[in-house]
Protein backbone atom coordinates (compact mmCIF):
# COMPACT_ATOMS: atom_id res chain seq x y z
CA MET A 1 80.90 58.31 105.29
CA LEU A 2 82.20 60.61 102.53
CA GLY A 3 78.96 62.61 102.72
CA ASN A 4 79.55 63.28 106.45
CA ILE A 5 83.11 64.43 105.78
CA VAL A 6 81.95 66.81 103.06
CA LYS A 7 79.18 68.11 105.31
CA GLU A 8 81.60 68.70 108.22
CA PHE A 9 84.09 70.41 105.92
CA LYS A 10 81.33 72.64 104.58
CA GLN A 11 80.34 73.63 108.13
CA PHE A 12 83.98 74.34 108.97
CA ALA A 13 84.62 76.38 105.83
CA MET A 14 81.51 78.50 106.30
CA ARG A 15 82.32 79.50 109.88
CA GLY A 16 82.93 83.21 110.24
CA ASN A 17 86.59 82.97 111.20
CA VAL A 18 87.57 80.92 108.15
CA VAL A 19 85.77 83.24 105.74
CA ASP A 20 87.28 86.31 107.46
CA MET A 21 90.74 84.75 107.23
CA ALA A 22 90.27 84.02 103.51
CA VAL A 23 89.20 87.60 102.85
CA GLY A 24 92.20 88.84 104.83
CA ILE A 25 94.60 86.69 102.83
CA ILE A 26 93.16 87.92 99.52
CA ILE A 27 93.32 91.57 100.58
CA GLY A 28 96.81 91.03 102.00
CA GLY A 29 98.01 89.63 98.68
CA ALA A 30 96.58 92.59 96.81
CA PHE A 31 98.13 94.97 99.35
CA GLY A 32 101.50 93.23 98.88
CA THR A 33 101.30 93.83 95.13
CA ILE A 34 100.54 97.51 95.67
CA VAL A 35 103.41 97.89 98.14
CA LYS A 36 105.83 96.12 95.77
CA SER A 37 104.86 98.53 93.00
CA LEU A 38 105.14 101.50 95.39
CA VAL A 39 108.66 100.47 96.36
CA SER A 40 110.01 99.52 92.93
CA ASP A 41 108.20 102.16 90.86
CA VAL A 42 107.81 105.17 93.19
CA ILE A 43 110.23 105.08 96.16
CA MET A 44 113.40 103.43 94.85
CA PRO A 45 113.83 105.42 91.56
CA PRO A 46 114.21 108.80 93.34
CA ILE A 47 116.54 107.22 95.92
CA GLY A 48 118.57 105.73 93.08
CA LEU A 49 118.63 109.10 91.33
CA VAL A 50 119.91 110.81 94.48
CA LEU A 51 122.60 108.13 94.78
CA GLY A 52 123.87 108.81 91.25
CA GLY A 53 121.41 107.03 88.98
CA VAL A 54 121.57 103.64 90.69
CA ASP A 55 118.86 101.11 89.76
CA PHE A 56 118.51 98.95 92.86
CA SER A 57 116.96 96.07 90.94
CA ASP A 58 120.21 95.80 88.94
CA LEU A 59 122.59 95.76 91.91
CA PHE A 60 124.22 92.34 92.03
CA ILE A 61 127.53 90.54 92.47
CA THR A 62 128.54 87.85 90.02
CA LEU A 63 129.59 84.76 91.95
CA LYS A 64 130.23 82.59 88.88
CA GLU A 65 130.19 83.65 85.25
CA GLY A 66 127.79 82.02 82.87
CA ALA A 67 128.21 80.70 79.32
CA THR A 68 129.10 84.17 78.10
CA ALA A 69 131.79 85.96 80.07
CA GLY A 70 130.96 89.13 81.99
CA PRO A 71 130.87 91.89 82.98
CA TYR A 72 127.09 92.00 82.77
CA ALA A 73 125.31 95.34 82.49
CA THR A 74 122.08 94.18 84.10
CA LEU A 75 120.85 91.39 86.32
CA ALA A 76 118.68 90.11 83.47
CA ALA A 77 121.75 89.87 81.19
CA ALA A 78 123.67 87.95 83.86
CA GLN A 79 120.78 85.56 84.45
CA SER A 80 120.24 84.97 80.73
CA ALA A 81 123.94 84.11 80.39
CA GLY A 82 123.52 81.56 83.18
CA ALA A 83 125.67 83.41 85.71
CA VAL A 84 125.26 82.77 89.42
CA THR A 85 124.52 86.10 91.10
CA LEU A 86 123.98 87.57 94.54
CA SER A 87 121.12 90.03 93.94
CA TYR A 88 121.45 92.39 96.89
CA GLY A 89 119.54 95.19 95.12
CA LEU A 90 116.39 93.06 95.00
CA PHE A 91 116.96 92.26 98.67
CA ILE A 92 117.08 95.99 99.48
CA ASN A 93 113.77 96.44 97.61
CA SER A 94 112.27 93.57 99.62
CA VAL A 95 113.44 95.08 102.92
CA VAL A 96 111.87 98.44 102.04
CA SER A 97 108.63 96.64 101.06
CA PHE A 98 108.64 94.77 104.37
CA LEU A 99 109.14 98.00 106.32
CA ILE A 100 106.21 99.63 104.54
CA VAL A 101 103.95 96.61 105.18
CA ALA A 102 105.09 96.44 108.81
CA PHE A 103 104.32 100.16 109.25
CA ALA A 104 100.87 99.72 107.68
CA VAL A 105 100.13 96.77 109.98
CA PHE A 106 101.35 98.83 112.95
CA LEU A 107 98.94 101.63 112.01
CA LEU A 108 96.09 99.12 111.66
CA ILE A 109 96.79 97.50 115.05
CA SER A 110 97.23 100.92 116.65
CA GLY A 111 93.81 101.97 115.32
CA ILE A 112 92.18 98.77 116.58
CA ASN A 113 93.74 99.25 120.01
CA LYS A 114 92.51 102.85 120.08
CA LEU A 115 88.97 101.70 119.30
CA GLN A 116 89.13 99.08 122.03
CA ARG A 117 90.34 101.64 124.58
CA THR A 118 87.33 103.87 123.94
CA GLN A 119 84.92 101.28 125.34
CA PRO A 120 82.40 102.82 127.73
CA ALA A 121 83.50 102.86 131.35
CA ALA A 122 81.93 100.44 133.80
CA PRO A 123 78.87 101.91 135.51
CA ASN A 124 79.47 103.39 138.95
CA THR A 125 75.80 103.63 139.92
CA LYS A 126 72.90 101.23 140.44
CA ASP A 127 69.16 101.57 140.95
CA CYS A 128 67.69 101.31 144.44
CA PRO A 129 65.41 98.22 144.48
CA PHE A 130 62.84 100.10 146.63
CA CYS A 131 62.53 103.58 145.11
CA TYR A 132 64.39 103.01 141.82
CA SER A 133 66.59 106.10 142.29
CA SER A 134 70.12 106.08 140.95
CA ILE A 135 72.65 105.56 143.76
CA SER A 136 76.35 104.77 144.13
CA LEU A 137 77.44 101.15 143.79
CA LYS A 138 79.16 101.42 147.17
CA ALA A 139 76.05 102.68 148.99
CA THR A 140 74.70 100.54 151.83
CA ARG A 141 71.65 102.76 152.38
CA CYS A 142 69.63 104.66 149.78
CA PRO A 143 69.97 108.45 150.28
CA HIS A 144 66.47 108.99 148.83
CA CYS A 145 64.29 106.48 150.65
CA THR A 146 66.78 105.48 153.41
CA SER A 147 66.23 101.78 152.73
CA GLU A 148 69.00 99.45 153.78
CA LEU A 149 70.76 97.83 150.77
CA LYS A 150 72.53 94.48 150.69
């Protein structure tokens, strides 16, 4: 009984779709890490600089002070003091990350659709069964041997 279940699970897990999905999830996770780094390390610092030296990861509102009274200079200081915070700067970073991932997925899907559209057109000719000449699909009589076609 248990041997059959293991055997069936093995067959299921080794099917092409499951393996492809697993590879996609692994690559997607790695891509997410790269995008997060791109946003927090490359895109947001110049935007913060343009906006007057703002560090988006440290934008927060203190909802309730912690053991040590505020104001807190950084989000890490507020969290270490036990303060309850609304971290809208991290949310902004997440939104930018999502937009980058969504744009990358859009480009991927667009490329796949483009490849699918370039499929060869359906043939518009056929071979005459009598003389084997190429003739139109709509032909009822072969123009080469004048045989009647069905």
